[in-house]
Amino acid sequence: MLKSLLVIISVTFLSFSAHADKASDKVAIKAAVNDYFQGQGEASKERLFRAFSAEHATMVGVVKNDDGKEVIKSYKDMTSVLNQWASNKNPAGENLDGEVISMNIVDDRLAVVLFRSTNHFYDALTLAKLDNEWKIVAKAYILQ
């Protein structure tokens, strides 16, 4: 009887612990996405580099070329892209309209976030958890 009670208590504690970890991961993931989004709006180098694993991240987007045809454009050097965003002389500001559409955390180390940004584009962001920190490692976007 005592063993059964200890097993039930242990399983319950582990379940609560797992839910707490999941909740803290969600908060940290949303914070990274918010740093990216608001960092772009504020042209904040600090926030952008806090959001991305710049030296490893990549970005691809579906954009229109000069002929109006949709093509895929890829960016391998996110450090350069983030520095460009941070040097924007006329950033959009802080009151941007964006939202997390969905979030899927896989194996407590990988997450995929779908994000709508100011009715201009949708992002599919892949985040990885390294050294207990969530960072964006890939961004795919499509213009609306």
N, C-alpha and C. Protein backbone atom coordinates (compact mmCIF):
# COMPACT_ATOMS: atom_id res chain seq x y z
N MET A 1 0.82 -1.20 0.00
CA MET A 1 0.00 0.00 0.00
C MET A 1 0.87 1.26 0.00
N LEU A 2 1.89 1.26 0.84
CA LEU A 2 2.77 2.41 0.93
C LEU A 2 3.55 2.62 -0.38
N LYS A 3 3.97 1.49 -0.99
CA LYS A 3 4.68 1.59 -2.27
C LYS A 3 3.78 2.17 -3.35
N SER A 4 2.52 1.73 -3.36
CA SER A 4 1.57 2.25 -4.35
C SER A 4 1.36 3.74 -4.16
N LEU A 5 1.25 4.18 -2.94
CA LEU A 5 1.06 5.59 -2.64
C LEU A 5 2.29 6.40 -3.07
N LEU A 6 3.48 5.86 -2.83
CA LEU A 6 4.71 6.55 -3.25
C LEU A 6 4.80 6.66 -4.77
N VAL A 7 4.40 5.60 -5.47
CA VAL A 7 4.41 5.62 -6.93
C VAL A 7 3.43 6.68 -7.44
N ILE A 8 2.25 6.73 -6.89
CA ILE A 8 1.24 7.72 -7.30
C ILE A 8 1.75 9.13 -7.05
N ILE A 9 2.35 9.35 -5.89
CA ILE A 9 2.88 10.68 -5.57
C ILE A 9 4.02 11.04 -6.53
N SER A 10 4.89 10.10 -6.82
CA SER A 10 6.01 10.35 -7.72
C SER A 10 5.53 10.69 -9.12
N VAL A 11 4.59 9.91 -9.63
CA VAL A 11 4.05 10.16 -10.98
C VAL A 11 3.36 11.52 -11.02
N THR A 12 2.60 11.85 -10.01
CA THR A 12 1.92 13.14 -9.94
C THR A 12 2.92 14.28 -9.93
N PHE A 13 3.97 14.15 -9.12
CA PHE A 13 5.00 15.19 -9.04
C PHE A 13 5.69 15.36 -10.38
N LEU A 14 6.06 14.27 -11.03
CA LEU A 14 6.72 14.34 -12.33
C LEU A 14 5.81 14.98 -13.37
N SER A 15 4.52 14.67 -13.30
CA SER A 15 3.56 15.25 -14.23
C SER A 15 3.48 16.76 -14.04
N PHE A 16 3.40 17.22 -12.78
CA PHE A 16 3.37 18.65 -12.51
C PHE A 16 4.67 19.32 -12.96
N SER A 17 5.78 18.65 -12.74
CA SER A 17 7.08 19.18 -13.14
C SER A 17 7.15 19.32 -14.66
N ALA A 18 6.67 18.32 -15.38
CA ALA A 18 6.68 18.37 -16.84
C ALA A 18 5.81 19.50 -17.36
N HIS A 19 4.64 19.70 -16.73
CA HIS A 19 3.76 20.80 -17.14
C HIS A 19 4.40 22.15 -16.85
N ALA A 20 5.10 22.26 -15.72
CA ALA A 20 5.78 23.51 -15.38
C ALA A 20 6.88 23.80 -16.38
N ASP A 21 7.66 22.75 -16.76
CA ASP A 21 8.71 22.93 -17.75
C ASP A 21 8.12 23.37 -19.08
N LYS A 22 7.03 22.73 -19.50
CA LYS A 22 6.37 23.07 -20.77
C LYS A 22 5.89 24.52 -20.73
N ALA A 23 5.32 24.93 -19.60
CA ALA A 23 4.83 26.30 -19.48
C ALA A 23 6.00 27.30 -19.54
N SER A 24 7.10 27.00 -18.88
CA SER A 24 8.24 27.92 -18.92
C SER A 24 8.86 27.94 -20.32
N ASP A 25 8.86 26.80 -21.01
CA ASP A 25 9.34 26.78 -22.40
C ASP A 25 8.47 27.66 -23.28
N LYS A 26 7.16 27.58 -23.13
CA LYS A 26 6.26 28.41 -23.93
C LYS A 26 6.52 29.89 -23.71
N VAL A 27 6.72 30.26 -22.45
CA VAL A 27 7.01 31.67 -22.14
C VAL A 27 8.32 32.10 -22.79
N ALA A 28 9.35 31.25 -22.71
CA ALA A 28 10.66 31.58 -23.29
C ALA A 28 10.60 31.64 -24.81
N ILE A 29 9.85 30.75 -25.42
CA ILE A 29 9.70 30.75 -26.88
C ILE A 29 8.98 32.02 -27.32
N LYS A 30 7.88 32.36 -26.64
CA LYS A 30 7.16 33.59 -26.98
C LYS A 30 8.04 34.81 -26.79
N ALA A 31 8.90 34.80 -25.78
CA ALA A 31 9.81 35.92 -25.55
C ALA A 31 10.81 36.07 -26.70
N ALA A 32 11.33 34.95 -27.20
CA ALA A 32 12.26 34.99 -28.33
C ALA A 32 11.56 35.52 -29.58
N VAL A 33 10.34 35.05 -29.83
CA VAL A 33 9.58 35.51 -31.00
C VAL A 33 9.27 37.00 -30.85
N ASN A 34 8.91 37.42 -29.64
CA ASN A 34 8.62 38.83 -29.40
C ASN A 34 9.87 39.69 -29.59
N ASP A 35 11.03 39.20 -29.14
CA ASP A 35 12.27 39.95 -29.36
C ASP A 35 12.54 40.12 -30.86
N TYR A 36 12.30 39.07 -31.62
CA TYR A 36 12.47 39.17 -33.08
C TYR A 36 11.50 40.22 -33.66
N PHE A 37 10.23 40.08 -33.34
CA PHE A 37 9.19 40.94 -33.92
C PHE A 37 9.38 42.40 -33.50
N GLN A 38 9.48 42.62 -32.19
CA GLN A 38 9.64 43.99 -31.70
C GLN A 38 11.03 44.54 -32.04
N GLY A 39 12.02 43.66 -32.07
CA GLY A 39 13.36 44.09 -32.44
C GLY A 39 13.41 44.65 -33.85
N GLN A 40 12.64 44.03 -34.75
CA GLN A 40 12.54 44.57 -36.11
C GLN A 40 11.83 45.92 -36.08
N GLY A 41 10.73 46.00 -35.34
CA GLY A 41 9.95 47.24 -35.27
C GLY A 41 10.72 48.40 -34.65
N GLU A 42 11.61 48.07 -33.70
CA GLU A 42 12.39 49.10 -33.01
C GLU A 42 13.78 49.29 -33.62
N ALA A 43 14.14 48.44 -34.57
CA ALA A 43 15.51 48.40 -35.10
C ALA A 43 16.50 48.21 -33.96
N SER A 44 16.18 47.24 -33.08
CA SER A 44 17.00 46.97 -31.91
C SER A 44 17.94 45.79 -32.16
N LYS A 45 19.19 46.10 -32.31
CA LYS A 45 20.21 45.07 -32.53
C LYS A 45 20.24 44.09 -31.36
N GLU A 46 20.14 44.61 -30.16
CA GLU A 46 20.16 43.78 -28.96
C GLU A 46 19.04 42.73 -28.97
N ARG A 47 17.83 43.17 -29.26
CA ARG A 47 16.69 42.25 -29.26
C ARG A 47 16.79 41.24 -30.40
N LEU A 48 17.20 41.69 -31.57
CA LEU A 48 17.29 40.79 -32.72
C LEU A 48 18.33 39.69 -32.47
N PHE A 49 19.48 40.07 -31.96
CA PHE A 49 20.53 39.07 -31.71
C PHE A 49 20.20 38.19 -30.51
N ARG A 50 19.36 38.69 -29.60
CA ARG A 50 18.89 37.84 -28.49
C ARG A 50 17.91 36.79 -29.01
N ALA A 51 17.15 37.12 -30.04
CA ALA A 51 16.14 36.21 -30.58
C ALA A 51 16.73 35.11 -31.45
N PHE A 52 17.75 35.44 -32.23
CA PHE A 52 18.29 34.52 -33.23
C PHE A 52 19.63 33.93 -32.78
N SER A 53 19.89 32.73 -33.23
CA SER A 53 21.23 32.16 -33.19
C SER A 53 21.87 32.59 -34.52
N ALA A 54 22.27 33.85 -34.57
CA ALA A 54 22.63 34.52 -35.83
C ALA A 54 23.69 33.79 -36.63
N GLU A 55 24.70 33.28 -35.95
CA GLU A 55 25.80 32.64 -36.67
C GLU A 55 25.41 31.32 -37.30
N HIS A 56 24.25 30.76 -36.92
CA HIS A 56 23.81 29.47 -37.46
C HIS A 56 22.48 29.54 -38.21
N ALA A 57 21.73 30.61 -38.00
CA ALA A 57 20.37 30.69 -38.54
C ALA A 57 20.38 30.95 -40.05
N THR A 58 19.27 30.56 -40.68
CA THR A 58 19.05 30.81 -42.10
C THR A 58 17.63 31.36 -42.28
N MET A 59 17.39 31.92 -43.46
CA MET A 59 16.06 32.44 -43.75
C MET A 59 15.77 32.21 -45.23
N VAL A 60 14.54 31.81 -45.52
CA VAL A 60 14.07 31.71 -46.90
C VAL A 60 12.71 32.39 -46.98
N GLY A 61 12.46 32.98 -48.14
CA GLY A 61 11.18 33.64 -48.31
C GLY A 61 10.67 33.50 -49.72
N VAL A 62 9.36 33.50 -49.84
CA VAL A 62 8.72 33.52 -51.16
C VAL A 62 8.42 34.99 -51.45
N VAL A 63 9.12 35.51 -52.46
CA VAL A 63 9.00 36.92 -52.82
C VAL A 63 8.80 37.06 -54.32
N LYS A 64 8.44 38.24 -54.76
CA LYS A 64 8.29 38.49 -56.21
C LYS A 64 9.58 39.10 -56.74
N ASN A 65 10.02 38.58 -57.88
CA ASN A 65 11.21 39.15 -58.52
C ASN A 65 10.80 40.38 -59.33
N ASP A 66 11.73 40.93 -60.09
CA ASP A 66 11.47 42.14 -60.87
C ASP A 66 10.38 41.95 -61.93
N ASP A 67 10.18 40.71 -62.36
CA ASP A 67 9.16 40.40 -63.37
C ASP A 67 7.80 40.10 -62.74
N GLY A 68 7.71 40.14 -61.41
CA GLY A 68 6.46 39.85 -60.72
C GLY A 68 6.22 38.37 -60.48
N LYS A 69 7.19 37.54 -60.82
CA LYS A 69 7.08 36.09 -60.61
C LYS A 69 7.53 35.75 -59.20
N GLU A 70 6.78 34.85 -58.54
CA GLU A 70 7.17 34.41 -57.20
C GLU A 70 8.37 33.48 -57.28
N VAL A 71 9.35 33.78 -56.46
CA VAL A 71 10.58 32.99 -56.40
C VAL A 71 10.96 32.82 -54.93
N ILE A 72 11.83 31.87 -54.68
CA ILE A 72 12.34 31.66 -53.33
C ILE A 72 13.69 32.36 -53.21
N LYS A 73 13.79 33.20 -52.20
CA LYS A 73 15.03 33.89 -51.93
C LYS A 73 15.58 33.34 -50.62
N SER A 74 16.87 33.04 -50.58
CA SER A 74 17.45 32.49 -49.36
C SER A 74 18.57 33.38 -48.84
N TYR A 75 18.69 33.36 -47.53
CA TYR A 75 19.69 34.16 -46.82
C TYR A 75 20.46 33.20 -45.92
N LYS A 76 21.73 33.07 -46.17
CA LYS A 76 22.56 32.16 -45.37
C LYS A 76 23.27 32.89 -44.24
N ASP A 77 23.43 34.21 -44.37
CA ASP A 77 24.17 35.01 -43.39
C ASP A 77 23.19 35.88 -42.60
N MET A 78 22.63 35.31 -41.52
CA MET A 78 21.65 36.05 -40.73
C MET A 78 22.30 37.18 -39.93
N THR A 79 23.58 37.07 -39.64
CA THR A 79 24.24 38.18 -38.95
C THR A 79 24.13 39.44 -39.78
N SER A 80 24.35 39.33 -41.07
CA SER A 80 24.24 40.47 -41.97
C SER A 80 22.80 40.98 -42.04
N VAL A 81 21.85 40.05 -42.13
CA VAL A 81 20.43 40.43 -42.20
C VAL A 81 20.01 41.17 -40.92
N LEU A 82 20.39 40.63 -39.76
CA LEU A 82 20.01 41.26 -38.49
C LEU A 82 20.65 42.64 -38.35
N ASN A 83 21.89 42.77 -38.77
CA ASN A 83 22.54 44.09 -38.74
C ASN A 83 21.83 45.07 -39.66
N GLN A 84 21.35 44.58 -40.80
CA GLN A 84 20.61 45.43 -41.73
C GLN A 84 19.29 45.87 -41.09
N TRP A 85 18.56 44.93 -40.48
CA TRP A 85 17.31 45.28 -39.81
C TRP A 85 17.56 46.30 -38.70
N ALA A 86 18.65 46.12 -37.96
CA ALA A 86 18.95 47.00 -36.83
C ALA A 86 19.38 48.40 -37.30
N SER A 87 19.84 48.51 -38.53
CA SER A 87 20.29 49.82 -39.04
C SER A 87 19.19 50.58 -39.77
N ASN A 88 17.95 50.06 -39.73
CA ASN A 88 16.82 50.72 -40.37
C ASN A 88 16.65 52.12 -39.78
N LYS A 89 16.77 53.13 -40.60
CA LYS A 89 16.66 54.52 -40.14
C LYS A 89 15.22 54.94 -39.86
N ASN A 90 14.26 54.19 -40.38
CA ASN A 90 12.86 54.52 -40.20
C ASN A 90 12.08 53.27 -39.79
N PRO A 91 12.35 52.73 -38.58
CA PRO A 91 11.66 51.50 -38.17
C PRO A 91 10.17 51.74 -37.94
N ALA A 92 9.42 50.66 -38.00
CA ALA A 92 7.96 50.73 -37.89
C ALA A 92 7.48 51.20 -36.52
N GLY A 93 8.26 50.98 -35.49
CA GLY A 93 7.87 51.40 -34.15
C GLY A 93 7.42 50.23 -33.30
N GLU A 94 6.95 50.54 -32.11
CA GLU A 94 6.62 49.52 -31.12
C GLU A 94 5.21 48.95 -31.24
N ASN A 95 4.29 49.67 -31.79
CA ASN A 95 2.88 49.26 -31.80
C ASN A 95 2.52 48.44 -33.03
N LEU A 96 3.26 47.38 -33.25
CA LEU A 96 3.02 46.52 -34.40
C LEU A 96 1.94 45.49 -34.07
N ASP A 97 1.25 45.05 -35.09
CA ASP A 97 0.22 44.03 -34.95
C ASP A 97 0.79 42.69 -35.41
N GLY A 98 0.97 41.78 -34.48
CA GLY A 98 1.44 40.45 -34.81
C GLY A 98 0.91 39.46 -33.79
N GLU A 99 0.88 38.19 -34.19
CA GLU A 99 0.38 37.18 -33.25
C GLU A 99 0.96 35.81 -33.55
N VAL A 100 1.14 35.05 -32.48
CA VAL A 100 1.50 33.64 -32.61
C VAL A 100 0.24 32.90 -33.01
N ILE A 101 0.27 32.26 -34.16
CA ILE A 101 -0.89 31.50 -34.64
C ILE A 101 -0.88 30.10 -34.03
N SER A 102 0.30 29.51 -33.97
CA SER A 102 0.42 28.18 -33.35
C SER A 102 1.84 27.97 -32.87
N MET A 103 1.97 27.05 -31.91
CA MET A 103 3.28 26.70 -31.37
C MET A 103 3.28 25.21 -31.10
N ASN A 104 4.32 24.55 -31.57
CA ASN A 104 4.45 23.11 -31.34
C ASN A 104 5.85 22.85 -30.79
N ILE A 105 5.91 22.34 -29.57
CA ILE A 105 7.19 22.03 -28.94
C ILE A 105 7.41 20.53 -29.07
N VAL A 106 8.58 20.18 -29.63
CA VAL A 106 8.92 18.78 -29.88
C VAL A 106 10.11 18.41 -29.01
N ASP A 107 9.97 17.38 -28.19
CA ASP A 107 11.09 16.82 -27.44
C ASP A 107 11.77 17.85 -26.54
N ASP A 108 11.10 18.89 -26.14
CA ASP A 108 11.60 19.92 -25.23
C ASP A 108 12.87 20.62 -25.73
N ARG A 109 13.24 20.40 -26.99
CA ARG A 109 14.45 21.03 -27.53
C ARG A 109 14.22 21.69 -28.87
N LEU A 110 13.09 21.46 -29.47
CA LEU A 110 12.79 22.00 -30.79
C LEU A 110 11.35 22.51 -30.79
N ALA A 111 11.15 23.67 -31.40
CA ALA A 111 9.80 24.24 -31.47
C ALA A 111 9.59 24.85 -32.85
N VAL A 112 8.34 24.80 -33.29
CA VAL A 112 7.95 25.45 -34.54
C VAL A 112 6.81 26.41 -34.20
N VAL A 113 6.99 27.66 -34.60
CA VAL A 113 6.00 28.70 -34.32
C VAL A 113 5.55 29.29 -35.65
N LEU A 114 4.24 29.35 -35.85
CA LEU A 114 3.67 30.07 -36.99
C LEU A 114 3.25 31.43 -36.47
N PHE A 115 3.66 32.48 -37.18
CA PHE A 115 3.48 33.84 -36.71
C PHE A 115 2.96 34.72 -37.84
N ARG A 116 1.95 35.52 -37.52
CA ARG A 116 1.42 36.51 -38.48
C ARG A 116 1.96 37.87 -38.08
N SER A 117 2.52 38.56 -39.04
CA SER A 117 3.13 39.84 -38.76
C SER A 117 2.45 40.96 -39.55
N THR A 118 1.81 41.84 -38.84
CA THR A 118 1.26 43.11 -39.35
C THR A 118 0.57 43.00 -40.71
N ASN A 119 -0.07 41.92 -40.99
CA ASN A 119 -0.76 41.71 -42.25
C ASN A 119 0.15 41.87 -43.46
N HIS A 120 1.46 41.72 -43.25
CA HIS A 120 2.41 41.81 -44.35
C HIS A 120 2.99 40.45 -44.73
N PHE A 121 3.21 39.61 -43.73
CA PHE A 121 3.79 38.31 -44.03
C PHE A 121 3.48 37.31 -42.91
N TYR A 122 3.63 36.05 -43.26
CA TYR A 122 3.57 34.96 -42.29
C TYR A 122 4.96 34.37 -42.15
N ASP A 123 5.31 34.03 -40.92
CA ASP A 123 6.59 33.38 -40.63
C ASP A 123 6.34 31.97 -40.13
N ALA A 124 7.21 31.06 -40.51
CA ALA A 124 7.33 29.76 -39.87
C ALA A 124 8.72 29.78 -39.24
N LEU A 125 8.75 29.86 -37.92
CA LEU A 125 10.01 29.98 -37.19
C LEU A 125 10.34 28.65 -36.52
N THR A 126 11.57 28.22 -36.68
CA THR A 126 12.06 27.04 -35.98
C THR A 126 13.01 27.52 -34.90
N LEU A 127 12.74 27.08 -33.67
CA LEU A 127 13.59 27.45 -32.55
C LEU A 127 14.21 26.20 -31.94
N ALA A 128 15.42 26.34 -31.46
CA ALA A 128 16.11 25.24 -30.78
C ALA A 128 16.51 25.71 -29.38
N LYS A 129 16.48 24.77 -28.45
CA LYS A 129 16.86 25.07 -27.08
C LYS A 129 18.28 24.57 -26.85
N LEU A 130 19.19 25.51 -26.65
CA LEU A 130 20.59 25.20 -26.40
C LEU A 130 21.02 25.92 -25.12
N ASP A 131 21.71 25.21 -24.26
CA ASP A 131 22.14 25.80 -22.98
C ASP A 131 20.97 26.46 -22.26
N ASN A 132 19.83 25.78 -22.30
CA ASN A 132 18.61 26.22 -21.61
C ASN A 132 18.07 27.56 -22.14
N GLU A 133 18.38 27.89 -23.39
CA GLU A 133 17.93 29.12 -24.02
C GLU A 133 17.31 28.82 -25.37
N TRP A 134 16.14 29.40 -25.65
CA TRP A 134 15.47 29.22 -26.93
C TRP A 134 15.94 30.29 -27.91
N LYS A 135 16.36 29.86 -29.11
CA LYS A 135 16.82 30.78 -30.15
C LYS A 135 16.20 30.38 -31.48
N ILE A 136 15.91 31.36 -32.32
CA ILE A 136 15.43 31.09 -33.67
C ILE A 136 16.63 30.63 -34.50
N VAL A 137 16.48 29.46 -35.13
CA VAL A 137 17.54 28.93 -35.96
C VAL A 137 17.17 28.91 -37.45
N ALA A 138 15.88 29.10 -37.74
CA ALA A 138 15.45 29.15 -39.13
C ALA A 138 14.15 29.95 -39.22
N LYS A 139 14.05 30.69 -40.30
CA LYS A 139 12.84 31.48 -40.56
C LYS A 139 12.47 31.27 -42.03
N ALA A 140 11.22 30.90 -42.26
CA ALA A 140 10.67 30.85 -43.61
C ALA A 140 9.48 31.81 -43.61
N TYR A 141 9.36 32.61 -44.65
CA TYR A 141 8.26 33.57 -44.67
C TYR A 141 7.64 33.66 -46.06
N ILE A 142 6.41 34.13 -46.05
CA ILE A 142 5.69 34.38 -47.29
C ILE A 142 4.95 35.71 -47.13
N LEU A 143 5.04 36.53 -48.15
CA LEU A 143 4.34 37.81 -48.11
C LEU A 143 2.85 37.59 -48.29
N GLN A 144 2.06 38.41 -47.64
CA GLN A 144 0.60 38.32 -47.76
C GLN A 144 0.12 39.14 -48.94
